[in-house]
Amino acid sequence: MTIITPTNGRIVWYQKGVDQRHITQRGQPLAAMVCHVWGDRMVNLKVTDADGIDHAVTSVPLMQQGDFEPTHGEFYAFWMPYQTGQAQRAAELKAELDKAVADQAPKTEASAA
């Protein structure tokens, strides 16, 4: 599982909660911009609804890759598939690079024996 660190200005997708009738959503995730970061799994957002109206939503759970989506109609945000794919690929490349560097490190007498 790769954790993506949220930062101000990043775009995520938003799923409105069942009690948020004032936010228009028509079957697709809504675009949202991170406005404040509480941590890797909690952010404040500016959500643009299906009618182009902006809504401030605070303390939004941010689902990371591998997290279970809420099942009781709560609102939440999540990363777009492209973003999670890029993060996964970056983690794989880092692991390959770390292995290549370790393989090239000079062997000491103790480790060669």
N, C-alpha and C. Protein backbone atom coordinates (compact mmCIF):
# COMPACT_ATOMS: atom_id res chain seq x y z
N MET A 1 0.84 -1.18 0.00
CA MET A 1 0.00 0.00 0.00
C MET A 1 0.88 1.24 0.00
N THR A 2 0.60 2.14 -0.90
CA THR A 2 1.34 3.39 -1.00
C THR A 2 0.50 4.53 -0.42
N ILE A 3 1.09 5.28 0.50
CA ILE A 3 0.42 6.44 1.09
C ILE A 3 0.83 7.67 0.28
N ILE A 4 -0.14 8.43 -0.18
CA ILE A 4 0.12 9.69 -0.87
C ILE A 4 -0.07 10.80 0.16
N THR A 5 0.93 11.64 0.33
CA THR A 5 0.84 12.74 1.27
C THR A 5 0.08 13.90 0.63
N PRO A 6 -1.05 14.29 1.20
CA PRO A 6 -1.80 15.41 0.62
C PRO A 6 -1.10 16.74 0.89
N THR A 7 -1.23 17.65 -0.05
CA THR A 7 -0.70 19.01 0.11
C THR A 7 -1.74 20.00 -0.40
N ASN A 8 -1.67 21.22 0.11
CA ASN A 8 -2.60 22.26 -0.34
C ASN A 8 -2.51 22.44 -1.84
N GLY A 9 -3.68 22.54 -2.48
CA GLY A 9 -3.73 22.74 -3.93
C GLY A 9 -3.90 21.45 -4.73
N ARG A 10 -3.66 20.29 -4.11
CA ARG A 10 -3.85 19.02 -4.83
C ARG A 10 -5.33 18.79 -5.10
N ILE A 11 -5.62 18.12 -6.19
CA ILE A 11 -6.99 17.79 -6.56
C ILE A 11 -7.27 16.34 -6.20
N VAL A 12 -8.41 16.11 -5.57
CA VAL A 12 -8.86 14.77 -5.23
C VAL A 12 -10.31 14.64 -5.69
N TRP A 13 -10.84 13.44 -5.61
CA TRP A 13 -12.25 13.21 -5.88
C TRP A 13 -12.99 13.17 -4.56
N TYR A 14 -14.25 13.59 -4.61
CA TYR A 14 -15.07 13.68 -3.40
C TYR A 14 -16.38 12.94 -3.60
N GLN A 15 -16.76 12.17 -2.59
CA GLN A 15 -18.06 11.51 -2.56
C GLN A 15 -18.88 12.15 -1.45
N LYS A 16 -20.00 12.78 -1.83
CA LYS A 16 -20.79 13.47 -0.81
C LYS A 16 -21.50 12.48 0.09
N GLY A 17 -21.87 12.95 1.27
CA GLY A 17 -22.60 12.12 2.22
C GLY A 17 -24.10 12.21 1.96
N VAL A 18 -24.85 11.27 2.51
CA VAL A 18 -26.30 11.25 2.29
C VAL A 18 -26.99 12.47 2.89
N ASP A 19 -26.41 13.09 3.90
CA ASP A 19 -27.01 14.27 4.52
C ASP A 19 -26.65 15.57 3.82
N GLN A 20 -25.85 15.52 2.78
CA GLN A 20 -25.40 16.74 2.09
C GLN A 20 -26.26 16.99 0.85
N ARG A 21 -27.54 17.19 1.06
CA ARG A 21 -28.48 17.39 -0.05
C ARG A 21 -28.25 18.68 -0.81
N HIS A 22 -27.57 19.63 -0.19
CA HIS A 22 -27.29 20.91 -0.85
C HIS A 22 -26.17 20.81 -1.89
N ILE A 23 -25.46 19.68 -1.92
CA ILE A 23 -24.39 19.46 -2.90
C ILE A 23 -24.93 18.57 -4.01
N THR A 24 -24.86 19.07 -5.25
CA THR A 24 -25.39 18.32 -6.39
C THR A 24 -24.33 17.38 -6.93
N GLN A 25 -24.69 16.09 -6.99
CA GLN A 25 -23.79 15.07 -7.54
C GLN A 25 -24.62 14.17 -8.44
N ARG A 26 -24.13 13.96 -9.67
CA ARG A 26 -24.88 13.16 -10.64
C ARG A 26 -24.10 11.92 -11.06
N GLY A 27 -23.89 11.02 -10.13
CA GLY A 27 -23.31 9.73 -10.46
C GLY A 27 -21.79 9.67 -10.60
N GLN A 28 -21.13 10.79 -10.67
CA GLN A 28 -19.67 10.80 -10.80
C GLN A 28 -19.06 11.43 -9.55
N PRO A 29 -17.80 11.07 -9.25
CA PRO A 29 -17.13 11.76 -8.14
C PRO A 29 -17.01 13.26 -8.46
N LEU A 30 -17.01 14.07 -7.44
CA LEU A 30 -16.86 15.51 -7.60
C LEU A 30 -15.40 15.92 -7.46
N ALA A 31 -15.01 16.95 -8.18
CA ALA A 31 -13.66 17.48 -8.07
C ALA A 31 -13.56 18.31 -6.78
N ALA A 32 -12.43 18.17 -6.11
CA ALA A 32 -12.21 18.93 -4.87
C ALA A 32 -10.74 19.30 -4.76
N MET A 33 -10.50 20.49 -4.20
CA MET A 33 -9.13 20.95 -4.00
C MET A 33 -8.82 20.96 -2.51
N VAL A 34 -7.66 20.42 -2.17
CA VAL A 34 -7.22 20.40 -0.78
C VAL A 34 -6.88 21.83 -0.36
N CYS A 35 -7.51 22.29 0.73
CA CYS A 35 -7.28 23.65 1.25
C CYS A 35 -6.51 23.65 2.56
N HIS A 36 -6.58 22.54 3.30
CA HIS A 36 -5.84 22.40 4.55
C HIS A 36 -5.61 20.92 4.80
N VAL A 37 -4.44 20.60 5.31
CA VAL A 37 -4.09 19.21 5.59
C VAL A 37 -4.00 19.01 7.10
N TRP A 38 -4.82 18.10 7.61
CA TRP A 38 -4.74 17.72 9.02
C TRP A 38 -3.77 16.55 9.20
N GLY A 39 -3.65 15.72 8.15
CA GLY A 39 -2.78 14.55 8.18
C GLY A 39 -2.97 13.78 6.89
N ASP A 40 -2.32 12.63 6.77
CA ASP A 40 -2.41 11.84 5.54
C ASP A 40 -3.82 11.34 5.25
N ARG A 41 -4.69 11.33 6.27
CA ARG A 41 -6.04 10.80 6.09
C ARG A 41 -7.15 11.77 6.48
N MET A 42 -6.83 13.07 6.59
CA MET A 42 -7.86 14.05 6.95
C MET A 42 -7.49 15.41 6.35
N VAL A 43 -8.44 15.99 5.57
CA VAL A 43 -8.19 17.26 4.90
C VAL A 43 -9.44 18.14 4.92
N ASN A 44 -9.25 19.43 4.67
CA ASN A 44 -10.35 20.34 4.38
C ASN A 44 -10.35 20.55 2.87
N LEU A 45 -11.55 20.65 2.28
CA LEU A 45 -11.67 20.74 0.83
C LEU A 45 -12.55 21.88 0.37
N LYS A 46 -12.28 22.34 -0.86
CA LYS A 46 -13.22 23.16 -1.61
C LYS A 46 -13.77 22.23 -2.69
N VAL A 47 -15.03 21.84 -2.54
CA VAL A 47 -15.66 20.88 -3.44
C VAL A 47 -16.48 21.63 -4.47
N THR A 48 -16.30 21.30 -5.74
CA THR A 48 -17.12 21.88 -6.81
C THR A 48 -18.15 20.83 -7.20
N ASP A 49 -19.44 21.19 -7.04
CA ASP A 49 -20.48 20.21 -7.33
C ASP A 49 -20.80 20.15 -8.82
N ALA A 50 -21.75 19.30 -9.19
CA ALA A 50 -22.08 19.07 -10.60
C ALA A 50 -22.64 20.31 -11.29
N ASP A 51 -23.09 21.29 -10.52
CA ASP A 51 -23.58 22.55 -11.09
C ASP A 51 -22.52 23.64 -11.10
N GLY A 52 -21.30 23.31 -10.70
CA GLY A 52 -20.21 24.28 -10.69
C GLY A 52 -20.18 25.16 -9.46
N ILE A 53 -20.94 24.82 -8.44
CA ILE A 53 -20.99 25.61 -7.21
C ILE A 53 -19.96 25.05 -6.23
N ASP A 54 -19.17 25.96 -5.64
CA ASP A 54 -18.13 25.56 -4.68
C ASP A 54 -18.72 25.47 -3.27
N HIS A 55 -18.26 24.47 -2.54
CA HIS A 55 -18.68 24.23 -1.15
C HIS A 55 -17.44 23.95 -0.31
N ALA A 56 -17.36 24.59 0.85
CA ALA A 56 -16.29 24.29 1.79
C ALA A 56 -16.72 23.10 2.65
N VAL A 57 -15.88 22.08 2.72
CA VAL A 57 -16.18 20.90 3.54
C VAL A 57 -14.94 20.63 4.39
N THR A 58 -15.12 20.61 5.70
CA THR A 58 -13.98 20.46 6.61
C THR A 58 -13.91 19.06 7.20
N SER A 59 -12.70 18.71 7.62
CA SER A 59 -12.43 17.42 8.28
C SER A 59 -12.97 16.25 7.47
N VAL A 60 -12.51 16.17 6.23
CA VAL A 60 -12.94 15.13 5.31
C VAL A 60 -11.98 13.95 5.39
N PRO A 61 -12.48 12.74 5.66
CA PRO A 61 -11.60 11.57 5.62
C PRO A 61 -11.05 11.38 4.20
N LEU A 62 -9.74 11.20 4.08
CA LEU A 62 -9.09 10.97 2.79
C LEU A 62 -8.69 9.51 2.73
N MET A 63 -9.36 8.75 1.88
CA MET A 63 -9.08 7.33 1.74
C MET A 63 -7.77 7.14 0.98
N GLN A 64 -6.92 6.30 1.52
CA GLN A 64 -5.67 5.96 0.88
C GLN A 64 -5.82 4.59 0.22
N GLN A 65 -4.90 4.26 -0.68
CA GLN A 65 -4.95 2.99 -1.39
C GLN A 65 -5.03 1.84 -0.39
N GLY A 66 -6.01 0.96 -0.57
CA GLY A 66 -6.19 -0.18 0.31
C GLY A 66 -7.18 0.06 1.44
N ASP A 67 -7.57 1.32 1.69
CA ASP A 67 -8.56 1.61 2.72
C ASP A 67 -9.95 1.16 2.25
N PHE A 68 -10.79 0.82 3.19
CA PHE A 68 -12.18 0.48 2.88
C PHE A 68 -13.01 1.75 2.81
N GLU A 69 -13.84 1.86 1.78
CA GLU A 69 -14.72 3.03 1.66
C GLU A 69 -15.79 2.95 2.74
N PRO A 70 -16.20 4.11 3.27
CA PRO A 70 -17.29 4.11 4.26
C PRO A 70 -18.56 3.49 3.65
N THR A 71 -19.33 2.81 4.47
CA THR A 71 -20.51 2.12 3.97
C THR A 71 -21.82 2.67 4.53
N HIS A 72 -21.76 3.70 5.34
CA HIS A 72 -22.97 4.22 5.97
C HIS A 72 -23.37 5.59 5.44
N GLY A 73 -22.96 5.93 4.22
CA GLY A 73 -23.36 7.19 3.63
C GLY A 73 -22.58 8.40 4.08
N GLU A 74 -21.40 8.19 4.70
CA GLU A 74 -20.56 9.32 5.10
C GLU A 74 -19.86 9.91 3.88
N PHE A 75 -19.52 11.20 3.98
CA PHE A 75 -18.72 11.81 2.93
C PHE A 75 -17.26 11.43 3.10
N TYR A 76 -16.52 11.44 1.98
CA TYR A 76 -15.10 11.14 2.02
C TYR A 76 -14.46 11.58 0.71
N ALA A 77 -13.14 11.68 0.73
CA ALA A 77 -12.36 12.01 -0.47
C ALA A 77 -11.45 10.84 -0.78
N PHE A 78 -11.03 10.75 -2.04
CA PHE A 78 -10.12 9.69 -2.43
C PHE A 78 -9.29 10.15 -3.62
N TRP A 79 -8.15 9.52 -3.80
CA TRP A 79 -7.24 9.87 -4.89
C TRP A 79 -7.76 9.30 -6.21
N MET A 80 -7.51 10.02 -7.29
CA MET A 80 -7.89 9.54 -8.61
C MET A 80 -7.01 8.33 -8.99
N PRO A 81 -7.53 7.42 -9.82
CA PRO A 81 -6.73 6.26 -10.21
C PRO A 81 -5.37 6.63 -10.80
N TYR A 82 -5.30 7.70 -11.57
CA TYR A 82 -4.01 8.12 -12.13
C TYR A 82 -3.02 8.44 -11.01
N GLN A 83 -3.50 9.13 -9.97
CA GLN A 83 -2.61 9.52 -8.87
C GLN A 83 -2.11 8.30 -8.11
N THR A 84 -2.98 7.35 -7.85
CA THR A 84 -2.54 6.16 -7.12
C THR A 84 -1.59 5.32 -7.98
N GLY A 85 -1.84 5.28 -9.29
CA GLY A 85 -0.94 4.56 -10.19
C GLY A 85 0.44 5.18 -10.23
N GLN A 86 0.50 6.51 -10.29
CA GLN A 86 1.78 7.21 -10.30
C GLN A 86 2.53 6.99 -8.99
N ALA A 87 1.81 7.03 -7.87
CA ALA A 87 2.46 6.82 -6.57
C ALA A 87 3.00 5.40 -6.46
N GLN A 88 2.24 4.44 -6.95
CA GLN A 88 2.69 3.04 -6.91
C GLN A 88 3.94 2.86 -7.77
N ARG A 89 3.93 3.45 -8.96
CA ARG A 89 5.09 3.34 -9.86
C ARG A 89 6.31 4.01 -9.25
N ALA A 90 6.13 5.16 -8.61
CA ALA A 90 7.25 5.84 -7.96
C ALA A 90 7.84 4.98 -6.85
N ALA A 91 6.98 4.30 -6.08
CA ALA A 91 7.46 3.43 -5.01
C ALA A 91 8.24 2.24 -5.59
N GLU A 92 7.75 1.68 -6.71
CA GLU A 92 8.46 0.57 -7.35
C GLU A 92 9.82 1.01 -7.87
N LEU A 93 9.89 2.18 -8.49
CA LEU A 93 11.17 2.69 -9.00
C LEU A 93 12.15 2.95 -7.87
N LYS A 94 11.65 3.48 -6.75
CA LYS A 94 12.53 3.73 -5.60
C LYS A 94 13.09 2.41 -5.07
N ALA A 95 12.26 1.39 -5.00
CA ALA A 95 12.72 0.08 -4.52
C ALA A 95 13.78 -0.49 -5.47
N GLU A 96 13.57 -0.35 -6.78
CA GLU A 96 14.56 -0.82 -7.75
C GLU A 96 15.87 -0.06 -7.61
N LEU A 97 15.78 1.25 -7.43
CA LEU A 97 16.98 2.07 -7.27
C LEU A 97 17.72 1.71 -5.99
N ASP A 98 16.99 1.55 -4.90
CA ASP A 98 17.61 1.18 -3.62
C ASP A 98 18.33 -0.16 -3.75
N LYS A 99 17.72 -1.12 -4.45
CA LYS A 99 18.35 -2.42 -4.64
C LYS A 99 19.61 -2.29 -5.48
N ALA A 100 19.55 -1.49 -6.56
CA ALA A 100 20.72 -1.32 -7.43
C ALA A 100 21.86 -0.66 -6.67
N VAL A 101 21.55 0.32 -5.84
CA VAL A 101 22.59 0.99 -5.04
C VAL A 101 23.19 0.00 -4.05
N ALA A 102 22.35 -0.80 -3.41
CA ALA A 102 22.86 -1.78 -2.44
C ALA A 102 23.73 -2.83 -3.14
N ASP A 103 23.34 -3.23 -4.33
CA ASP A 103 24.14 -4.22 -5.07
C ASP A 103 25.48 -3.66 -5.49
N GLN A 104 25.59 -2.36 -5.68
CA GLN A 104 26.84 -1.73 -6.11
C GLN A 104 27.73 -1.31 -4.95
N ALA A 105 27.20 -1.38 -3.73
CA ALA A 105 28.00 -0.96 -2.58
C ALA A 105 29.19 -1.90 -2.42
N PRO A 106 30.37 -1.34 -2.07
CA PRO A 106 31.56 -2.18 -1.88
C PRO A 106 31.34 -3.17 -0.74
N LYS A 107 31.81 -4.37 -0.94
CA LYS A 107 31.69 -5.41 0.07
C LYS A 107 32.86 -5.29 1.04
N THR A 108 32.55 -5.38 2.32
CA THR A 108 33.61 -5.36 3.33
C THR A 108 34.12 -6.78 3.52
N GLU A 109 35.27 -6.90 4.13
CA GLU A 109 35.88 -8.22 4.33
C GLU A 109 34.93 -9.12 5.15
N ALA A 110 34.26 -8.53 6.14
CA ALA A 110 33.39 -9.33 7.01
C ALA A 110 32.19 -9.83 6.22
N SER A 111 31.63 -9.01 5.35
CA SER A 111 30.46 -9.44 4.60
C SER A 111 30.83 -10.35 3.43
N ALA A 112 32.09 -10.29 2.97
CA ALA A 112 32.52 -11.14 1.86
C ALA A 112 32.82 -12.56 2.32
N ALA A 113 33.08 -12.74 3.61
CA ALA A 113 33.46 -14.06 4.14
C ALA A 113 32.29 -14.97 4.34
